Amino acid sequence: MSAGHDAEAIAAAQTALGVGAAADAVEAVLAEVALAAVAELGVRGLLVAGGETSGAVTRALGVRALRLTRRVDPGVAWASGRATAVAGEPVLGVLLKSGNFGGVDLLTRAWEEAP
């Protein structure tokens, strides 16, 4: 999961809300989308880009611990964790990408190599 890069829309939101509040709003929306995808649609694999967004998504899902399962690039790996905020506490495959880790094709390769 990641937010889009429409520069004008981002600037307008940051002007209206402030930079921090705009970022918090995007993270909250992405966390709710992830929660709905897992709880209502049965999604069991997520790619999440952005350190703060990764934290928001894992908190919303109730993922408290991750077990690394497959390295994709230096500093980036698939992991598994239990979504305790979802009925039945399903095990999810997650790849959390923050910072400048991974090559330009990381997300494409990661999805193709998903466990």
PDB file of N, CA and C in Angstrom:
ATOM      1  N   MET A   1       0.844  -1.155   0.000  1.00  0.00           N
ATOM      2  CA  MET A   1       0.000   0.000   0.000  1.00  0.00           C
ATOM      3  C   MET A   1       0.894   1.223   0.000  1.00  0.00           C
ATOM      4  N   SER A   2       0.472   2.214  -0.707  1.00  0.00           N
ATOM      5  CA  SER A   2       1.173   3.491  -0.670  1.00  0.00           C
ATOM      6  C   SER A   2       0.224   4.569  -1.149  1.00  0.00           C
ATOM      7  N   ALA A   3       0.536   5.810  -0.809  1.00  0.00           N
ATOM      8  CA  ALA A   3      -0.257   6.940  -1.248  1.00  0.00           C
ATOM      9  C   ALA A   3       0.245   7.401  -2.609  1.00  0.00           C
ATOM     10  N   GLY A   4      -0.608   8.085  -3.351  1.00  0.00           N
ATOM     11  CA  GLY A   4      -0.232   8.598  -4.660  1.00  0.00           C
ATOM     12  C   GLY A   4       0.725   9.774  -4.553  1.00  0.00           C
ATOM     13  N   HIS A   5       1.149  10.251  -5.711  1.00  0.00           N
ATOM     14  CA  HIS A   5       2.134  11.320  -5.738  1.00  0.00           C
ATOM     15  C   HIS A   5       1.638  12.511  -6.555  1.00  0.00           C
ATOM     16  N   ASP A   6       0.383  12.897  -6.401  1.00  0.00           N
ATOM     17  CA  ASP A   6      -0.160  14.065  -7.082  1.00  0.00           C
ATOM     18  C   ASP A   6       0.316  15.292  -6.318  1.00  0.00           C
ATOM     19  N   ALA A   7       1.324  15.962  -6.853  1.00  0.00           N
ATOM     20  CA  ALA A   7       1.984  17.072  -6.147  1.00  0.00           C
ATOM     21  C   ALA A   7       1.020  18.187  -5.772  1.00  0.00           C
ATOM     22  N   GLU A   8       0.086  18.522  -6.652  1.00  0.00           N
ATOM     23  CA  GLU A   8      -0.861  19.597  -6.352  1.00  0.00           C
ATOM     24  C   GLU A   8      -1.802  19.212  -5.221  1.00  0.00           C
ATOM     25  N   ALA A   9      -2.305  17.992  -5.251  1.00  0.00           N
ATOM     26  CA  ALA A   9      -3.214  17.536  -4.200  1.00  0.00           C
ATOM     27  C   ALA A   9      -2.498  17.452  -2.862  1.00  0.00           C
ATOM     28  N   ILE A  10      -1.273  16.980  -2.874  1.00  0.00           N
ATOM     29  CA  ILE A  10      -0.489  16.897  -1.634  1.00  0.00           C
ATOM     30  C   ILE A  10      -0.257  18.285  -1.066  1.00  0.00           C
ATOM     31  N   ALA A  11       0.139  19.227  -1.913  1.00  0.00           N
ATOM     32  CA  ALA A  11       0.377  20.604  -1.455  1.00  0.00           C
ATOM     33  C   ALA A  11      -0.896  21.227  -0.893  1.00  0.00           C
ATOM     34  N   ALA A  12      -2.033  20.995  -1.547  1.00  0.00           N
ATOM     35  CA  ALA A  12      -3.295  21.556  -1.066  1.00  0.00           C
ATOM     36  C   ALA A  12      -3.669  20.982   0.303  1.00  0.00           C
ATOM     37  N   ALA A  13      -3.503  19.670   0.466  1.00  0.00           N
ATOM     38  CA  ALA A  13      -3.820  19.043   1.753  1.00  0.00           C
ATOM     39  C   ALA A  13      -2.885  19.540   2.841  1.00  0.00           C
ATOM     40  N   GLN A  14      -1.604  19.678   2.513  1.00  0.00           N
ATOM     41  CA  GLN A  14      -0.644  20.156   3.507  1.00  0.00           C
ATOM     42  C   GLN A  14      -0.928  21.601   3.898  1.00  0.00           C
ATOM     43  N   THR A  15      -1.362  22.407   2.947  1.00  0.00           N
ATOM     44  CA  THR A  15      -1.708  23.796   3.250  1.00  0.00           C
ATOM     45  C   THR A  15      -2.950  23.860   4.128  1.00  0.00           C
ATOM     46  N   ALA A  16      -3.948  23.056   3.794  1.00  0.00           N
ATOM     47  CA  ALA A  16      -5.209  23.078   4.542  1.00  0.00           C
ATOM     48  C   ALA A  16      -5.081  22.480   5.937  1.00  0.00           C
ATOM     49  N   LEU A  17      -4.332  21.389   6.057  1.00  0.00           N
ATOM     50  CA  LEU A  17      -4.275  20.640   7.314  1.00  0.00           C
ATOM     51  C   LEU A  17      -2.983  20.822   8.098  1.00  0.00           C
ATOM     52  N   GLY A  18      -1.928  21.205   7.411  1.00  0.00           N
ATOM     53  CA  GLY A  18      -0.588  21.172   7.981  1.00  0.00           C
ATOM     54  C   GLY A  18       0.074  19.881   7.543  1.00  0.00           C
ATOM     55  N   VAL A  19       1.394  19.900   7.420  1.00  0.00           N
ATOM     56  CA  VAL A  19       2.132  18.751   6.903  1.00  0.00           C
ATOM     57  C   VAL A  19       1.900  17.509   7.766  1.00  0.00           C
ATOM     58  N   GLY A  20       2.044  17.636   9.071  1.00  0.00           N
ATOM     59  CA  GLY A  20       1.893  16.482   9.963  1.00  0.00           C
ATOM     60  C   GLY A  20       0.495  15.898   9.944  1.00  0.00           C
ATOM     61  N   ALA A  21      -0.512  16.762   9.999  1.00  0.00           N
ATOM     62  CA  ALA A  21      -1.898  16.277  10.012  1.00  0.00           C
ATOM     63  C   ALA A  21      -2.264  15.630   8.681  1.00  0.00           C
ATOM     64  N   ALA A  22      -1.754  16.172   7.571  1.00  0.00           N
ATOM     65  CA  ALA A  22      -2.027  15.574   6.265  1.00  0.00           C
ATOM     66  C   ALA A  22      -1.417  14.176   6.193  1.00  0.00           C
ATOM     67  N   ALA A  23      -0.195  14.034   6.670  1.00  0.00           N
ATOM     68  CA  ALA A  23       0.459  12.718   6.673  1.00  0.00           C
ATOM     69  C   ALA A  23      -0.296  11.746   7.569  1.00  0.00           C
ATOM     70  N   ASP A  24      -0.716  12.216   8.742  1.00  0.00           N
ATOM     71  CA  ASP A  24      -1.483  11.360   9.656  1.00  0.00           C
ATOM     72  C   ASP A  24      -2.784  10.890   9.011  1.00  0.00           C
ATOM     73  N   ALA A  25      -3.443  11.788   8.269  1.00  0.00           N
ATOM     74  CA  ALA A  25      -4.709  11.436   7.620  1.00  0.00           C
ATOM     75  C   ALA A  25      -4.505  10.355   6.563  1.00  0.00           C
ATOM     76  N   VAL A  26      -3.454  10.484   5.765  1.00  0.00           N
ATOM     77  CA  VAL A  26      -3.160   9.481   4.734  1.00  0.00           C
ATOM     78  C   VAL A  26      -2.865   8.138   5.392  1.00  0.00           C
ATOM     79  N   GLU A  27      -2.059   8.145   6.428  1.00  0.00           N
ATOM     80  CA  GLU A  27      -1.715   6.899   7.123  1.00  0.00           C
ATOM     81  C   GLU A  27      -2.953   6.243   7.714  1.00  0.00           C
ATOM     82  N   ALA A  28      -3.854   7.042   8.287  1.00  0.00           N
ATOM     83  CA  ALA A  28      -5.079   6.500   8.879  1.00  0.00           C
ATOM     84  C   ALA A  28      -5.970   5.863   7.811  1.00  0.00           C
ATOM     85  N   VAL A  29      -6.086   6.520   6.662  1.00  0.00           N
ATOM     86  CA  VAL A  29      -6.908   5.970   5.578  1.00  0.00           C
ATOM     87  C   VAL A  29      -6.314   4.659   5.081  1.00  0.00           C
ATOM     88  N   LEU A  30      -5.007   4.624   4.857  1.00  0.00           N
ATOM     89  CA  LEU A  30      -4.374   3.394   4.382  1.00  0.00           C
ATOM     90  C   LEU A  30      -4.500   2.267   5.406  1.00  0.00           C
ATOM     91  N   ALA A  31      -4.424   2.601   6.681  1.00  0.00           N
ATOM     92  CA  ALA A  31      -4.601   1.590   7.729  1.00  0.00           C
ATOM     93  C   ALA A  31      -6.017   1.025   7.694  1.00  0.00           C
ATOM     94  N   GLU A  32      -7.013   1.886   7.509  1.00  0.00           N
ATOM     95  CA  GLU A  32      -8.406   1.422   7.434  1.00  0.00           C
ATOM     96  C   GLU A  32      -8.649   0.584   6.185  1.00  0.00           C
ATOM     97  N   VAL A  33      -8.029   0.962   5.073  1.00  0.00           N
ATOM     98  CA  VAL A  33      -8.156   0.164   3.846  1.00  0.00           C
ATOM     99  C   VAL A  33      -7.561  -1.226   4.067  1.00  0.00           C
ATOM    100  N   ALA A  34      -6.390  -1.285   4.686  1.00  0.00           N
ATOM    101  CA  ALA A  34      -5.756  -2.577   4.959  1.00  0.00           C
ATOM    102  C   ALA A  34      -6.629  -3.425   5.880  1.00  0.00           C
ATOM    103  N   LEU A  35      -7.160  -2.812   6.917  1.00  0.00           N
ATOM    104  CA  LEU A  35      -8.015  -3.541   7.858  1.00  0.00           C
ATOM    105  C   LEU A  35      -9.248  -4.094   7.149  1.00  0.00           C
ATOM    106  N   ALA A  36      -9.894  -3.278   6.329  1.00  0.00           N
ATOM    107  CA  ALA A  36     -11.074  -3.732   5.589  1.00  0.00           C
ATOM    108  C   ALA A  36     -10.708  -4.832   4.591  1.00  0.00           C
ATOM    109  N   ALA A  37      -9.572  -4.689   3.930  1.00  0.00           N
ATOM    110  CA  ALA A  37      -9.152  -5.701   2.955  1.00  0.00           C
ATOM    111  C   ALA A  37      -8.953  -7.057   3.620  1.00  0.00           C
ATOM    112  N   VAL A  38      -8.332  -7.045   4.783  1.00  0.00           N
ATOM    113  CA  VAL A  38      -8.081  -8.298   5.496  1.00  0.00           C
ATOM    114  C   VAL A  38      -9.367  -8.841   6.115  1.00  0.00           C
ATOM    115  N   ALA A  39     -10.115  -7.981   6.798  1.00  0.00           N
ATOM    116  CA  ALA A  39     -11.305  -8.428   7.527  1.00  0.00           C
ATOM    117  C   ALA A  39     -12.474  -8.768   6.616  1.00  0.00           C
ATOM    118  N   GLU A  40     -12.678  -7.980   5.572  1.00  0.00           N
ATOM    119  CA  GLU A  40     -13.884  -8.142   4.753  1.00  0.00           C
ATOM    120  C   GLU A  40     -13.649  -8.858   3.425  1.00  0.00           C
ATOM    121  N   LEU A  41     -12.444  -8.746   2.886  1.00  0.00           N
ATOM    122  CA  LEU A  41     -12.169  -9.333   1.580  1.00  0.00           C
ATOM    123  C   LEU A  41     -11.289 -10.573   1.639  1.00  0.00           C
ATOM    124  N   GLY A  42     -10.761 -10.871   2.815  1.00  0.00           N
ATOM    125  CA  GLY A  42      -9.936 -12.057   2.959  1.00  0.00           C
ATOM    126  C   GLY A  42      -8.523 -11.923   2.429  1.00  0.00           C
ATOM    127  N   VAL A  43      -8.060 -10.694   2.227  1.00  0.00           N
ATOM    128  CA  VAL A  43      -6.690 -10.480   1.766  1.00  0.00           C
ATOM    129  C   VAL A  43      -5.729 -11.031   2.817  1.00  0.00           C
ATOM    130  N   ARG A  44      -4.710 -11.741   2.372  1.00  0.00           N
ATOM    131  CA  ARG A  44      -3.742 -12.329   3.304  1.00  0.00           C
ATOM    132  C   ARG A  44      -2.298 -11.954   2.977  1.00  0.00           C
ATOM    133  N   GLY A  45      -2.118 -11.019   2.045  1.00  0.00           N
ATOM    134  CA  GLY A  45      -0.789 -10.538   1.712  1.00  0.00           C
ATOM    135  C   GLY A  45      -0.825  -9.046   1.447  1.00  0.00           C
ATOM    136  N   LEU A  46       0.090  -8.306   2.063  1.00  0.00           N
ATOM    137  CA  LEU A  46       0.138  -6.857   1.911  1.00  0.00           C
ATOM    138  C   LEU A  46       1.559  -6.377   1.670  1.00  0.00           C
ATOM    139  N   LEU A  47       1.712  -5.443   0.734  1.00  0.00           N
ATOM    140  CA  LEU A  47       2.946  -4.693   0.542  1.00  0.00           C
ATOM    141  C   LEU A  47       2.648  -3.297   1.037  1.00  0.00           C
ATOM    142  N   VAL A  48       3.431  -2.800   1.979  1.00  0.00           N
ATOM    143  CA  VAL A  48       3.184  -1.469   2.534  1.00  0.00           C
ATOM    144  C   VAL A  48       4.457  -0.648   2.420  1.00  0.00           C
ATOM    145  N   ALA A  49       4.351   0.508   1.758  1.00  0.00           N
ATOM    146  CA  ALA A  49       5.499   1.387   1.567  1.00  0.00           C
ATOM    147  C   ALA A  49       5.400   2.559   2.528  1.00  0.00           C
ATOM    148  N   GLY A  50       6.505   2.857   3.189  1.00  0.00           N
ATOM    149  CA  GLY A  50       6.561   3.985   4.112  1.00  0.00           C
ATOM    150  C   GLY A  50       6.630   3.500   5.544  1.00  0.00           C
ATOM    151  N   GLY A  51       7.590   3.984   6.272  1.00  0.00           N
ATOM    152  CA  GLY A  51       7.772   3.547   7.654  1.00  0.00           C
ATOM    153  C   GLY A  51       6.604   3.888   8.558  1.00  0.00           C
ATOM    154  N   GLU A  52       6.148   5.116   8.522  1.00  0.00           N
ATOM    155  CA  GLU A  52       5.013   5.517   9.366  1.00  0.00           C
ATOM    156  C   GLU A  52       3.739   4.810   8.917  1.00  0.00           C
ATOM    157  N   THR A  53       3.564   4.656   7.617  1.00  0.00           N
ATOM    158  CA  THR A  53       2.392   3.952   7.098  1.00  0.00           C
ATOM    159  C   THR A  53       2.433   2.484   7.519  1.00  0.00           C
ATOM    160  N   SER A  54       3.608   1.873   7.464  1.00  0.00           N
ATOM    161  CA  SER A  54       3.744   0.481   7.904  1.00  0.00           C
ATOM    162  C   SER A  54       3.321   0.337   9.358  1.00  0.00           C
ATOM    163  N   GLY A  55       3.750   1.276  10.185  1.00  0.00           N
ATOM    164  CA  GLY A  55       3.356   1.246  11.596  1.00  0.00           C
ATOM    165  C   GLY A  55       1.860   1.408  11.775  1.00  0.00           C
ATOM    166  N   ALA A  56       1.258   2.332  11.036  1.00  0.00           N
ATOM    167  CA  ALA A  56      -0.189   2.547  11.140  1.00  0.00           C
ATOM    168  C   ALA A  56      -0.961   1.306  10.710  1.00  0.00           C
ATOM    169  N   VAL A  57      -0.521   0.670   9.633  1.00  0.00           N
ATOM    170  CA  VAL A  57      -1.202  -0.526   9.125  1.00  0.00           C
ATOM    171  C   VAL A  57      -1.067  -1.681  10.113  1.00  0.00           C
ATOM    172  N   THR A  58       0.130  -1.936  10.611  1.00  0.00           N
ATOM    173  CA  THR A  58       0.303  -3.054  11.542  1.00  0.00           C
ATOM    174  C   THR A  58      -0.448  -2.809  12.848  1.00  0.00           C
ATOM    175  N   ARG A  59      -0.482  -1.556  13.321  1.00  0.00           N
ATOM    176  CA  ARG A  59      -1.266  -1.261  14.537  1.00  0.00           C
ATOM    177  C   ARG A  59      -2.751  -1.508  14.295  1.00  0.00           C
ATOM    178  N   ALA A  60      -3.280  -1.045  13.162  1.00  0.00           N
ATOM    179  CA  ALA A  60      -4.706  -1.226  12.868  1.00  0.00           C
ATOM    180  C   ALA A  60      -5.075  -2.703  12.786  1.00  0.00           C
ATOM    181  N   LEU A  61      -4.165  -3.510  12.247  1.00  0.00           N
ATOM    182  CA  LEU A  61      -4.418  -4.943  12.117  1.00  0.00           C
ATOM    183  C   LEU A  61      -4.158  -5.710  13.410  1.00  0.00           C
ATOM    184  N   GLY A  62      -3.521  -5.063  14.353  1.00  0.00           N
ATOM    185  CA  GLY A  62      -3.184  -5.744  15.598  1.00  0.00           C
ATOM    186  C   GLY A  62      -2.006  -6.684  15.454  1.00  0.00           C
ATOM    187  N   VAL A  63      -1.145  -6.441  14.473  1.00  0.00           N
ATOM    188  CA  VAL A  63       0.059  -7.267  14.285  1.00  0.00           C
ATOM    189  C   VAL A  63       1.085  -6.797  15.303  1.00  0.00           C
ATOM    190  N   ARG A  64       1.398  -7.663  16.255  1.00  0.00           N
ATOM    191  CA  ARG A  64       2.315  -7.290  17.345  1.00  0.00           C
ATOM    192  C   ARG A  64       3.715  -7.855  17.175  1.00  0.00           C
ATOM    193  N   ALA A  65       3.841  -8.874  16.346  1.00  0.00           N
ATOM    194  CA  ALA A  65       5.152  -9.497  16.122  1.00  0.00           C
ATOM    195  C   ALA A  65       5.195 -10.008  14.694  1.00  0.00           C
ATOM    196  N   LEU A  66       6.383  -9.972  14.116  1.00  0.00           N
ATOM    197  CA  LEU A  66       6.576 -10.468  12.763  1.00  0.00           C
ATOM    198  C   LEU A  66       7.698 -11.495  12.747  1.00  0.00           C
ATOM    199  N   ARG A  67       7.558 -12.473  11.909  1.00  0.00           N
ATOM    200  CA  ARG A  67       8.602 -13.478  11.690  1.00  0.00           C
ATOM    201  C   ARG A  67       9.092 -13.304  10.257  1.00  0.00           C
ATOM    202  N   LEU A  68      10.362 -12.959  10.101  1.00  0.00           N
ATOM    203  CA  LEU A  68      10.919 -12.791   8.762  1.00  0.00           C
ATOM    204  C   LEU A  68      10.922 -14.130   8.050  1.00  0.00           C
ATOM    205  N   THR A  69      10.480 -14.116   6.787  1.00  0.00           N
ATOM    206  CA  THR A  69      10.368 -15.372   6.053  1.00  0.00           C
ATOM    207  C   THR A  69      11.205 -15.424   4.784  1.00  0.00           C
ATOM    208  N   ARG A  70      11.347 -14.298   4.083  1.00  0.00           N
ATOM    209  CA  ARG A  70      12.083 -14.326   2.818  1.00  0.00           C
ATOM    210  C   ARG A  70      12.658 -12.945   2.514  1.00  0.00           C
ATOM    211  N   ARG A  71      13.964 -12.879   2.376  1.00  0.00           N
ATOM    212  CA  ARG A  71      14.622 -11.615   2.008  1.00  0.00           C
ATOM    213  C   ARG A  71      14.388 -11.345   0.531  1.00  0.00           C
ATOM    214  N   VAL A  72      14.004 -10.094   0.227  1.00  0.00           N
ATOM    215  CA  VAL A  72      13.787  -9.681  -1.154  1.00  0.00           C
ATOM    216  C   VAL A  72      14.952  -8.824  -1.635  1.00  0.00           C
ATOM    217  N   ASP A  73      15.405  -7.916  -0.791  1.00  0.00           N
ATOM    218  CA  ASP A  73      16.532  -7.027  -1.049  1.00  0.00           C
ATOM    219  C   ASP A  73      17.186  -6.738   0.296  1.00  0.00           C
ATOM    220  N   PRO A  74      18.410  -6.209   0.293  1.00  0.00           N
ATOM    221  CA  PRO A  74      19.006  -5.838   1.578  1.00  0.00           C
ATOM    222  C   PRO A  74      18.091  -4.882   2.349  1.00  0.00           C
ATOM    223  N   GLY A  75      17.753  -5.257   3.559  1.00  0.00           N
ATOM    224  CA  GLY A  75      16.900  -4.431   4.409  1.00  0.00           C
ATOM    225  C   GLY A  75      15.411  -4.597   4.185  1.00  0.00           C
ATOM    226  N   VAL A  76      15.010  -5.479   3.266  1.00  0.00           N
ATOM    227  CA  VAL A  76      13.594  -5.662   2.950  1.00  0.00           C
ATOM    228  C   VAL A  76      13.294  -7.152   2.846  1.00  0.00           C
ATOM    229  N   ALA A  77      12.302  -7.610   3.611  1.00  0.00           N
ATOM    230  CA  ALA A  77      11.952  -9.031   3.598  1.00  0.00           C
ATOM    231  C   ALA A  77      10.457  -9.221   3.785  1.00  0.00           C
ATOM    232  N   TRP A  78       9.973 -10.329   3.256  1.00  0.00           N
ATOM    233  CA  TRP A  78       8.613 -10.749   3.584  1.00  0.00           C
ATOM    234  C   TRP A  78       8.621 -11.236   5.028  1.00  0.00           C
ATOM    235  N   ALA A  79       7.511 -11.059   5.692  1.00  0.00           N
ATOM    236  CA  ALA A  79       7.363 -11.530   7.061  1.00  0.00           C
ATOM    237  C   ALA A  79       5.948 -12.063   7.235  1.00  0.00           C
ATOM    238  N   SER A  80       5.747 -12.804   8.291  1.00  0.00           N
ATOM    239  CA  SER A  80       4.392 -13.252   8.611  1.00  0.00           C
ATOM    240  C   SER A  80       4.054 -12.777  10.017  1.00  0.00           C
ATOM    241  N   GLY A  81       2.788 -12.481  10.203  1.00  0.00           N
ATOM    242  CA  GLY A  81       2.305 -12.031  11.504  1.00  0.00           C
ATOM    243  C   GLY A  81       0.818 -12.267  11.617  1.00  0.00           C
ATOM    244  N   ARG A  82       0.345 -12.324  12.837  1.00  0.00           N
ATOM    245  CA  ARG A  82      -1.063 -12.591  13.112  1.00  0.00           C
ATOM    246  C   ARG A  82      -1.811 -11.278  13.281  1.00  0.00           C
ATOM    247  N   ALA A  83      -2.917 -11.126  12.558  1.00  0.00           N
ATOM    248  CA  ALA A  83      -3.759  -9.930  12.633  1.00  0.00           C
ATOM    249  C   ALA A  83      -4.755 -10.106  13.779  1.00  0.00           C
ATOM    250  N   THR A  84      -4.358  -9.715  14.977  1.00  0.00           N
ATOM    251  CA  THR A  84      -5.191  -9.961  16.158  1.00  0.00           C
ATOM    252  C   THR A  84      -6.424  -9.062  16.219  1.00  0.00           C
ATOM    253  N   ALA A  85      -6.488  -8.013  15.405  1.00  0.00           N
ATOM    254  CA  ALA A  85      -7.660  -7.131  15.392  1.00  0.00           C
ATOM    255  C   ALA A  85      -8.741  -7.633  14.440  1.00  0.00           C
ATOM    256  N   VAL A  86      -8.496  -8.755  13.781  1.00  0.00           N
ATOM    257  CA  VAL A  86      -9.429  -9.314  12.812  1.00  0.00           C
ATOM    258  C   VAL A  86      -9.969 -10.632  13.352  1.00  0.00           C
ATOM    259  N   ALA A  87     -11.264 -10.857  13.175  1.00  0.00           N
ATOM    260  CA  ALA A  87     -11.882 -12.098  13.634  1.00  0.00           C
ATOM    261  C   ALA A  87     -11.124 -13.302  13.086  1.00  0.00           C
ATOM    262  N   GLY A  88     -10.830 -14.253  13.946  1.00  0.00           N
ATOM    263  CA  GLY A  88     -10.094 -15.449  13.564  1.00  0.00           C
ATOM    264  C   GLY A  88      -8.588 -15.264  13.581  1.00  0.00           C
ATOM    265  N   GLU A  89      -8.139 -14.046  13.791  1.00  0.00           N
ATOM    266  CA  GLU A  89      -6.714 -13.718  13.862  1.00  0.00           C
ATOM    267  C   GLU A  89      -5.899 -14.381  12.751  1.00  0.00           C
ATOM    268  N   PRO A  90      -6.221 -14.054  11.486  1.00  0.00           N
ATOM    269  CA  PRO A  90      -5.510 -14.705  10.380  1.00  0.00           C
ATOM    270  C   PRO A  90      -4.028 -14.345  10.350  1.00  0.00           C
ATOM    271  N   VAL A  91      -3.245 -15.269   9.814  1.00  0.00           N
ATOM    272  CA  VAL A  91      -1.823 -15.022   9.591  1.00  0.00           C
ATOM    273  C   VAL A  91      -1.689 -14.334   8.238  1.00  0.00           C
ATOM    274  N   LEU A  92      -0.921 -13.259   8.219  1.00  0.00           N
ATOM    275  CA  LEU A  92      -0.724 -12.478   7.004  1.00  0.00           C
ATOM    276  C   LEU A  92       0.721 -12.557   6.552  1.00  0.00           C
ATOM    277  N   GLY A  93       0.912 -12.453   5.256  1.00  0.00           N
ATOM    278  CA  GLY A  93       2.233 -12.213   4.690  1.00  0.00           C
ATOM    279  C   GLY A  93       2.337 -10.716   4.470  1.00  0.00           C
ATOM    280  N   VAL A  94       3.367 -10.091   5.008  1.00  0.00           N
ATOM    281  CA  VAL A  94       3.527  -8.645   4.846  1.00  0.00           C
ATOM    282  C   VAL A  94       4.957  -8.319   4.437  1.00  0.00           C
ATOM    283  N   LEU A  95       5.071  -7.311   3.598  1.00  0.00           N
ATOM    284  CA  LEU A  95       6.361  -6.748   3.272  1.00  0.00           C
ATOM    285  C   LEU A  95       6.238  -5.268   3.589  1.00  0.00           C
ATOM    286  N   LEU A  96       7.019  -4.813   4.548  1.00  0.00           N
ATOM    287  CA  LEU A  96       6.987  -3.432   5.004  1.00  0.00           C
ATOM    288  C   LEU A  96       8.249  -2.749   4.502  1.00  0.00           C
ATOM    289  N   LYS A  97       8.087  -1.771   3.614  1.00  0.00           N
ATOM    290  CA  LYS A  97       9.236  -1.095   3.011  1.00  0.00           C
ATOM    291  C   LYS A  97       9.287   0.341   3.513  1.00  0.00           C
ATOM    292  N   SER A  98      10.387   0.676   4.137  1.00  0.00           N
ATOM    293  CA  SER A  98      10.555   2.060   4.585  1.00  0.00           C
ATOM    294  C   SER A  98      11.841   2.624   4.013  1.00  0.00           C
ATOM    295  N   GLY A  99      11.948   3.929   4.043  1.00  0.00           N
ATOM    296  CA  GLY A  99      13.184   4.578   3.628  1.00  0.00           C
ATOM    297  C   GLY A  99      13.582   4.285   2.201  1.00  0.00           C
ATOM    298  N   ASN A 100      14.871   4.299   1.976  1.00  0.00           N
ATOM    299  CA  ASN A 100      15.412   4.111   0.632  1.00  0.00           C
ATOM    300  C   ASN A 100      15.866   2.683   0.392  1.00  0.00           C
ATOM    301  N   PHE A 101      15.280   1.736   1.074  1.00  0.00           N
ATOM    302  CA  PHE A 101      15.662   0.342   0.893  1.00  0.00           C
ATOM    303  C   PHE A 101      15.068  -0.209  -0.392  1.00  0.00           C
ATOM    304  N   GLY A 102      15.833  -1.047  -1.065  1.00  0.00           N
ATOM    305  CA  GLY A 102      15.339  -1.765  -2.223  1.00  0.00           C
ATOM    306  C   GLY A 102      15.528  -1.039  -3.533  1.00  0.00           C
ATOM    307  N   GLY A 103      15.610  -1.829  -4.586  1.00  0.00           N
ATOM    308  CA  GLY A 103      15.764  -1.290  -5.929  1.00  0.00           C
ATOM    309  C   GLY A 103      14.462  -0.718  -6.460  1.00  0.00           C
ATOM    310  N   VAL A 104      14.541  -0.102  -7.630  1.00  0.00           N
ATOM    311  CA  VAL A 104      13.367   0.556  -8.203  1.00  0.00           C
ATOM    312  C   VAL A 104      12.252  -0.423  -8.536  1.00  0.00           C
ATOM    313  N   ASP A 105      12.585  -1.682  -8.750  1.00  0.00           N
ATOM    314  CA  ASP A 105      11.578  -2.687  -9.077  1.00  0.00           C
ATOM    315  C   ASP A 105      11.218  -3.564  -7.873  1.00  0.00           C
ATOM    316  N   LEU A 106      11.570  -3.113  -6.688  1.00  0.00           N
ATOM    317  CA  LEU A 106      11.382  -3.926  -5.482  1.00  0.00           C
ATOM    318  C   LEU A 106       9.950  -4.415  -5.310  1.00  0.00           C
ATOM    319  N   LEU A 107       8.979  -3.532  -5.381  1.00  0.00           N
ATOM    320  CA  LEU A 107       7.598  -3.938  -5.097  1.00  0.00           C
ATOM    321  C   LEU A 107       7.083  -4.927  -6.132  1.00  0.00           C
ATOM    322  N   THR A 108       7.454  -4.745  -7.386  1.00  0.00           N
ATOM    323  CA  THR A 108       7.054  -5.692  -8.425  1.00  0.00           C
ATOM    324  C   THR A 108       7.673  -7.057  -8.167  1.00  0.00           C
ATOM    325  N   ARG A 109       8.974  -7.081  -7.911  1.00  0.00           N
ATOM    326  CA  ARG A 109       9.644  -8.353  -7.629  1.00  0.00           C
ATOM    327  C   ARG A 109       9.104  -9.003  -6.370  1.00  0.00           C
ATOM    328  N   ALA A 110       8.862  -8.188  -5.351  1.00  0.00           N
ATOM    329  CA  ALA A 110       8.361  -8.737  -4.081  1.00  0.00           C
ATOM    330  C   ALA A 110       7.015  -9.412  -4.288  1.00  0.00           C
ATOM    331  N   TRP A 111       6.137  -8.781  -5.048  1.00  0.00           N
ATOM    332  CA  TRP A 111       4.816  -9.377  -5.256  1.00  0.00           C
ATOM    333  C   TRP A 111       4.923 -10.669  -6.059  1.00  0.00           C
ATOM    334  N   GLU A 112       5.807 -10.680  -7.046  1.00  0.00           N
ATOM    335  CA  GLU A 112       6.001 -11.886  -7.849  1.00  0.00           C
ATOM    336  C   GLU A 112       6.587 -13.021  -7.013  1.00  0.00           C
ATOM    337  N   GLU A 113       7.340 -12.681  -5.968  1.00  0.00           N
ATOM    338  CA  GLU A 113       7.980 -13.684  -5.102  1.00  0.00           C
ATOM    339  C   GLU A 113       7.208 -13.919  -3.803  1.00  0.00           C
ATOM    340  N   ALA A 114       6.005 -13.371  -3.713  1.00  0.00           N
ATOM    341  CA  ALA A 114       5.245 -13.459  -2.458  1.00  0.00           C
ATOM    342  C   ALA A 114       5.087 -14.898  -2.004  1.00  0.00           C
ATOM    343  N   PRO A 115       5.220 -15.094  -0.681  1.00  0.00           N
ATOM    344  CA  PRO A 115       5.060 -16.458  -0.155  1.00  0.00           C
ATOM    345  C   PRO A 115       3.618 -16.944  -0.285  1.00  0.00           C
TER     346      PRO A 115
END
